[in-house]
Amino acid sequence: YYNIFYGISTILDNAGYMQVTPTYNGTSHLDDGIYSKVGSPGVTAWGAHGLILYAPSQTSFTLTFNSDTTARSGDASVTILKLEPSSSQ
């Protein structure tokens, strides 16, 4: 099990949206994605999400960015922590 947290921000040059979709265990997961819409040009679109990922075997974790307008000055951060089972006493 892994605790994964990611945050994304970018300035959209026009009114529009940004969408960030994670892929893991060989599948895209829209339910764990980020979606942000802005109504004016030059506004920051941003979002953050956290999840617990069960990976019974080796897997890749990727984030795919999509937008209907030009984005600039973007920033992304990803934190991945491996969770250890608690020890029984």
C-alpha atoms as a PDB file:
ATOM      1  CA  TYR A   1       0.000   0.000   0.000  1.00  0.00           C
ATOM      2  CA  TYR A   2       1.152   3.519  -0.833  1.00  0.00           C
ATOM      3  CA  ASN A   3      -0.150   6.914   0.263  1.00  0.00           C
ATOM      4  CA  ILE A   4       0.109   9.203  -2.781  1.00  0.00           C
ATOM      5  CA  PHE A   5      -0.571  12.933  -2.770  1.00  0.00           C
ATOM      6  CA  TYR A   6      -0.195  15.268  -5.737  1.00  0.00           C
ATOM      7  CA  GLY A   7      -0.865  18.915  -6.424  1.00  0.00           C
ATOM      8  CA  ILE A   8      -0.834  20.799  -9.729  1.00  0.00           C
ATOM      9  CA  SER A   9      -1.114  24.500 -10.580  1.00  0.00           C
ATOM     10  CA  THR A  10      -0.700  26.413 -13.831  1.00  0.00           C
ATOM     11  CA  ILE A  11      -1.748  29.692 -15.412  1.00  0.00           C
ATOM     12  CA  LEU A  12      -4.195  29.228 -18.275  1.00  0.00           C
ATOM     13  CA  ASP A  13      -3.725  31.792 -21.061  1.00  0.00           C
ATOM     14  CA  ASN A  14      -7.468  31.766 -21.855  1.00  0.00           C
ATOM     15  CA  ALA A  15     -10.681  30.789 -20.113  1.00  0.00           C
ATOM     16  CA  GLY A  16     -10.734  27.002 -20.054  1.00  0.00           C
ATOM     17  CA  TYR A  17      -9.900  23.931 -18.025  1.00  0.00           C
ATOM     18  CA  MET A  18      -7.080  21.688 -16.968  1.00  0.00           C
ATOM     19  CA  GLN A  19      -7.435  18.006 -16.203  1.00  0.00           C
ATOM     20  CA  VAL A  20      -4.835  15.744 -14.615  1.00  0.00           C
ATOM     21  CA  THR A  21      -5.460  11.997 -14.743  1.00  0.00           C
ATOM     22  CA  PRO A  22      -3.395   9.426 -12.835  1.00  0.00           C
ATOM     23  CA  THR A  23      -2.626   6.027 -14.290  1.00  0.00           C
ATOM     24  CA  TYR A  24      -1.588   3.096 -12.117  1.00  0.00           C
ATOM     25  CA  ASN A  25      -1.944  -0.683 -12.115  1.00  0.00           C
ATOM     26  CA  GLY A  26      -2.240  -0.376 -15.914  1.00  0.00           C
ATOM     27  CA  THR A  27      -5.451   1.718 -15.864  1.00  0.00           C
ATOM     28  CA  SER A  28      -6.377   5.416 -16.004  1.00  0.00           C
ATOM     29  CA  HIS A  29      -8.370   6.561 -12.959  1.00  0.00           C
ATOM     30  CA  LEU A  30     -10.580   9.589 -13.670  1.00  0.00           C
ATOM     31  CA  ASP A  31     -12.091   9.253 -10.184  1.00  0.00           C
ATOM     32  CA  ASP A  32      -8.675  10.130  -8.688  1.00  0.00           C
ATOM     33  CA  GLY A  33      -8.048  12.987 -11.120  1.00  0.00           C
ATOM     34  CA  ILE A  34      -7.998  16.765 -10.787  1.00  0.00           C
ATOM     35  CA  TYR A  35     -10.226  19.091 -12.794  1.00  0.00           C
ATOM     36  CA  SER A  36     -10.134  22.879 -12.613  1.00  0.00           C
ATOM     37  CA  LYS A  37     -11.971  25.396 -14.795  1.00  0.00           C
ATOM     38  CA  VAL A  38     -11.347  29.150 -14.995  1.00  0.00           C
ATOM     39  CA  GLY A  39     -13.556  31.778 -16.622  1.00  0.00           C
ATOM     40  CA  SER A  40     -10.951  34.438 -17.372  1.00  0.00           C
ATOM     41  CA  PRO A  41      -7.576  34.507 -19.149  1.00  0.00           C
ATOM     42  CA  GLY A  42      -4.404  34.594 -17.060  1.00  0.00           C
ATOM     43  CA  VAL A  43      -5.973  32.859 -14.053  1.00  0.00           C
ATOM     44  CA  THR A  44      -4.367  30.036 -12.089  1.00  0.00           C
ATOM     45  CA  ALA A  45      -6.035  26.630 -12.347  1.00  0.00           C
ATOM     46  CA  TRP A  46      -5.065  24.296  -9.533  1.00  0.00           C
ATOM     47  CA  GLY A  47      -6.018  21.206  -7.606  1.00  0.00           C
ATOM     48  CA  ALA A  48      -4.733  18.500  -5.293  1.00  0.00           C
ATOM     49  CA  HIS A  49      -5.696  14.922  -4.566  1.00  0.00           C
ATOM     50  CA  GLY A  50      -4.613  12.090  -2.313  1.00  0.00           C
ATOM     51  CA  LEU A  51      -5.218   8.359  -2.522  1.00  0.00           C
ATOM     52  CA  ILE A  52      -4.189   5.030  -1.060  1.00  0.00           C
ATOM     53  CA  LEU A  53      -2.839   2.803  -3.814  1.00  0.00           C
ATOM     54  CA  TYR A  54      -2.782  -0.971  -3.498  1.00  0.00           C
ATOM     55  CA  ALA A  55      -0.061  -2.354  -5.762  1.00  0.00           C
ATOM     56  CA  PRO A  56       0.288  -6.123  -5.298  1.00  0.00           C
ATOM     57  CA  SER A  57       3.063  -6.168  -7.913  1.00  0.00           C
ATOM     58  CA  GLN A  58       5.394  -3.637  -9.533  1.00  0.00           C
ATOM     59  CA  THR A  59       3.449  -0.798 -11.151  1.00  0.00           C
ATOM     60  CA  SER A  60       4.045   2.584 -12.741  1.00  0.00           C
ATOM     61  CA  PHE A  61       2.322   5.731 -11.496  1.00  0.00           C
ATOM     62  CA  THR A  62       1.953   8.564 -14.037  1.00  0.00           C
ATOM     63  CA  LEU A  63       0.028  11.816 -14.256  1.00  0.00           C
ATOM     64  CA  THR A  64      -1.322  13.025 -17.624  1.00  0.00           C
ATOM     65  CA  PHE A  65      -2.061  16.742 -18.096  1.00  0.00           C
ATOM     66  CA  ASN A  66      -4.761  17.872 -20.536  1.00  0.00           C
ATOM     67  CA  SER A  67      -6.143  21.349 -21.285  1.00  0.00           C
ATOM     68  CA  ASP A  68      -8.215  23.091 -23.936  1.00  0.00           C
ATOM     69  CA  THR A  69      -5.921  26.148 -23.864  1.00  0.00           C
ATOM     70  CA  THR A  70      -2.258  27.012 -23.474  1.00  0.00           C
ATOM     71  CA  ALA A  71      -0.872  26.605 -19.957  1.00  0.00           C
ATOM     72  CA  ARG A  72       2.284  28.258 -18.577  1.00  0.00           C
ATOM     73  CA  SER A  73       4.250  28.642 -15.368  1.00  0.00           C
ATOM     74  CA  GLY A  74       3.118  25.238 -14.139  1.00  0.00           C
ATOM     75  CA  ASP A  75       4.073  23.571 -10.901  1.00  0.00           C
ATOM     76  CA  ALA A  76       3.595  19.975  -9.795  1.00  0.00           C
ATOM     77  CA  SER A  77       4.451  18.118  -6.629  1.00  0.00           C
ATOM     78  CA  VAL A  78       4.077  14.420  -5.888  1.00  0.00           C
ATOM     79  CA  THR A  79       4.626  12.658  -2.574  1.00  0.00           C
ATOM     80  CA  ILE A  80       4.663   8.859  -2.348  1.00  0.00           C
ATOM     81  CA  LEU A  81       4.907   7.137   1.021  1.00  0.00           C
ATOM     82  CA  LYS A  82       5.058   3.360   1.393  1.00  0.00           C
ATOM     83  CA  LEU A  83       2.730   2.219   4.170  1.00  0.00           C
ATOM     84  CA  GLU A  84       3.923  -0.558   6.441  1.00  0.00           C
ATOM     85  CA  PRO A  85       1.507  -2.838   8.272  1.00  0.00           C
ATOM     86  CA  SER A  86       1.323  -2.262  11.997  1.00  0.00           C
ATOM     87  CA  SER A  87       3.106  -4.843  14.112  1.00  0.00           C
ATOM     88  CA  SER A  88       1.027  -7.049  16.389  1.00  0.00           C
ATOM     89  CA  GLN A  89       1.985  -7.127  20.036  1.00  0.00           C
END
